[in-house]
């Protein structure tokens, strides 16, 4: 008796989780200013004070400012304003607090030093590919 084999079902490629529109807009704005190492930490299942962190890096102070400005402008166009902004003057770590999510724009050195990804290690990580 010949053994019949069934064709294997093809696995669908893993899809990135769907992010809220305002976070997608912030990512697009940051990448438009050449932000690198863009990740989103999903903090909803942790004891965090917000739902998401968007973390990205700028190569120098001018670029850190440009990324933060672009994110703020993109969200302002959607009638979304930060409740709090910190670190703008020094441009090492600019924090834009939008209540449901927080945008962290780091210099390379500050990102390595503070290591938010390590501090919030229990959060789900969503890696965003750098734009070419």
Protein backbone atom coordinates (compact mmCIF):
# COMPACT_ATOMS: atom_id res chain seq x y z
CA UNK A 1 0.00 0.00 0.00
CA UNK A 2 1.44 3.37 -1.03
CA UNK A 3 1.73 6.02 1.61
CA UNK A 4 0.04 9.26 0.67
CA UNK A 5 1.36 12.53 1.88
CA UNK A 6 -0.71 15.56 2.42
CA UNK A 7 0.65 18.88 1.26
CA UNK A 8 1.87 20.98 4.17
CA UNK A 9 0.01 24.13 4.97
CA UNK A 10 2.10 27.20 4.35
CA UNK A 11 2.80 29.36 7.34
CA UNK A 12 1.88 32.97 7.00
CA UNK A 13 4.78 35.32 7.68
CA UNK A 14 4.77 36.83 11.16
CA UNK A 15 3.06 40.20 11.12
CA UNK A 16 3.99 43.12 13.28
CA UNK A 17 1.30 43.95 15.82
CA UNK A 18 -1.03 46.73 14.83
CA UNK A 19 -0.07 49.94 16.57
CA UNK A 20 -2.39 52.85 17.35
CA UNK A 21 -2.51 55.47 14.58
CA UNK A 22 -0.84 58.18 16.65
CA UNK A 23 2.16 55.93 17.35
CA UNK A 24 2.40 54.97 13.68
CA UNK A 25 2.40 58.70 12.82
CA UNK A 26 5.14 59.35 15.39
CA UNK A 27 7.25 56.51 13.95
CA UNK A 28 6.82 57.84 10.42
CA UNK A 29 7.80 61.35 11.52
CA UNK A 30 10.87 60.10 13.41
CA UNK A 31 12.01 57.98 10.49
CA UNK A 32 11.47 60.96 8.20
CA UNK A 33 14.23 62.66 10.17
CA UNK A 34 16.47 59.57 9.92
CA UNK A 35 15.90 58.25 13.45
CA UNK A 36 17.65 54.91 13.97
CA UNK A 37 17.10 51.92 16.25
CA UNK A 38 13.38 52.62 16.44
CA UNK A 39 11.50 50.29 18.77
CA UNK A 40 8.16 50.30 20.52
CA UNK A 41 7.77 48.78 23.96
CA UNK A 42 4.24 47.55 24.62
CA UNK A 43 3.78 48.22 28.33
CA UNK A 44 0.09 47.38 28.62
CA UNK A 45 0.75 44.12 30.49
CA UNK A 46 3.18 45.73 32.93
CA UNK A 47 2.69 48.02 35.91
CA UNK A 48 3.69 51.03 33.80
CA UNK A 49 2.10 54.46 33.86
CA UNK A 50 1.57 54.45 30.07
CA UNK A 51 0.70 51.97 27.33
CA UNK A 52 3.67 52.34 24.99
CA UNK A 53 7.19 53.73 24.76
CA UNK A 54 8.50 54.76 21.36
CA UNK A 55 12.29 54.84 21.59
CA UNK A 56 14.64 56.09 18.89
CA UNK A 57 18.11 57.51 18.42
CA UNK A 58 19.56 60.58 16.75
CA UNK A 59 23.22 60.86 15.73
CA UNK A 60 23.79 64.31 17.26
CA UNK A 61 22.01 67.10 19.16
CA UNK A 62 20.71 68.75 15.98
CA UNK A 63 19.19 65.49 14.77
CA UNK A 64 17.70 64.71 18.21
CA UNK A 65 15.96 68.12 18.08
CA UNK A 66 14.81 67.53 14.49
CA UNK A 67 13.31 64.13 15.35
CA UNK A 68 11.48 65.47 18.41
CA UNK A 69 10.21 68.48 16.44
CA UNK A 70 8.99 66.26 13.58
CA UNK A 71 7.11 63.96 15.95
CA UNK A 72 5.52 66.91 17.73
CA UNK A 73 4.50 68.56 14.44
CA UNK A 74 3.05 65.35 12.98
CA UNK A 75 0.93 64.71 16.04
CA UNK A 76 -0.06 68.37 16.36
CA UNK A 77 -1.51 68.08 12.84
CA UNK A 78 -3.74 65.33 14.26
CA UNK A 79 -4.72 67.61 17.17
CA UNK A 80 -2.58 65.63 19.63
CA UNK A 81 -0.27 67.61 21.88
CA UNK A 82 2.18 66.38 24.50
CA UNK A 83 1.15 66.82 28.12
CA UNK A 84 4.80 67.26 29.07
CA UNK A 85 8.18 67.73 27.34
CA UNK A 86 11.54 67.22 29.05
CA UNK A 87 15.17 67.49 28.02
CA UNK A 88 14.74 69.69 24.96
CA UNK A 89 17.51 72.14 25.89
CA UNK A 90 20.24 69.51 26.37
CA UNK A 91 19.10 67.27 23.48
CA UNK A 92 20.60 64.15 25.05
CA UNK A 93 17.23 62.62 25.89
CA UNK A 94 14.04 64.37 24.82
CA UNK A 95 10.88 62.96 26.33
CA UNK A 96 7.48 63.75 24.80
CA UNK A 97 4.66 62.54 27.05
CA UNK A 98 1.37 61.95 25.27
CA UNK A 99 -0.24 60.23 28.27
CA UNK A 100 -1.12 56.94 26.48
CA UNK A 101 2.40 56.73 25.05
CA UNK A 102 5.76 58.38 25.61
CA UNK A 103 8.28 59.20 22.89
CA UNK A 104 11.96 59.00 23.92
CA UNK A 105 14.46 60.53 21.51
CA UNK A 106 18.01 59.73 22.62
CA UNK A 107 21.52 60.59 21.57
CA UNK A 108 23.55 57.43 20.99
CA UNK A 109 25.48 57.84 24.25
CA UNK A 110 22.41 58.57 26.40
CA UNK A 111 20.51 55.60 24.99
CA UNK A 112 23.33 53.24 25.87
CA UNK A 113 23.76 54.79 29.31
CA UNK A 114 20.10 54.73 30.40
CA UNK A 115 19.13 51.46 28.71
CA UNK A 116 15.33 51.79 28.87
CA UNK A 117 14.97 48.52 26.99
CA UNK A 118 16.76 46.76 29.86
CA UNK A 119 14.77 48.56 32.56
CA UNK A 120 11.48 47.55 30.91
CA UNK A 121 12.65 44.08 29.93
CA UNK A 122 9.28 42.47 30.70
CA UNK A 123 7.57 44.61 28.04
CA UNK A 124 6.88 43.25 24.56
CA UNK A 125 9.32 44.67 22.02
CA UNK A 126 8.23 45.72 18.56
CA UNK A 127 11.28 46.36 16.39
CA UNK A 128 10.78 48.83 13.58
CA UNK A 129 13.07 48.45 10.56
CA UNK A 130 15.24 51.47 9.78
CA UNK A 131 14.28 53.23 6.59
CA UNK A 132 16.88 53.01 3.81
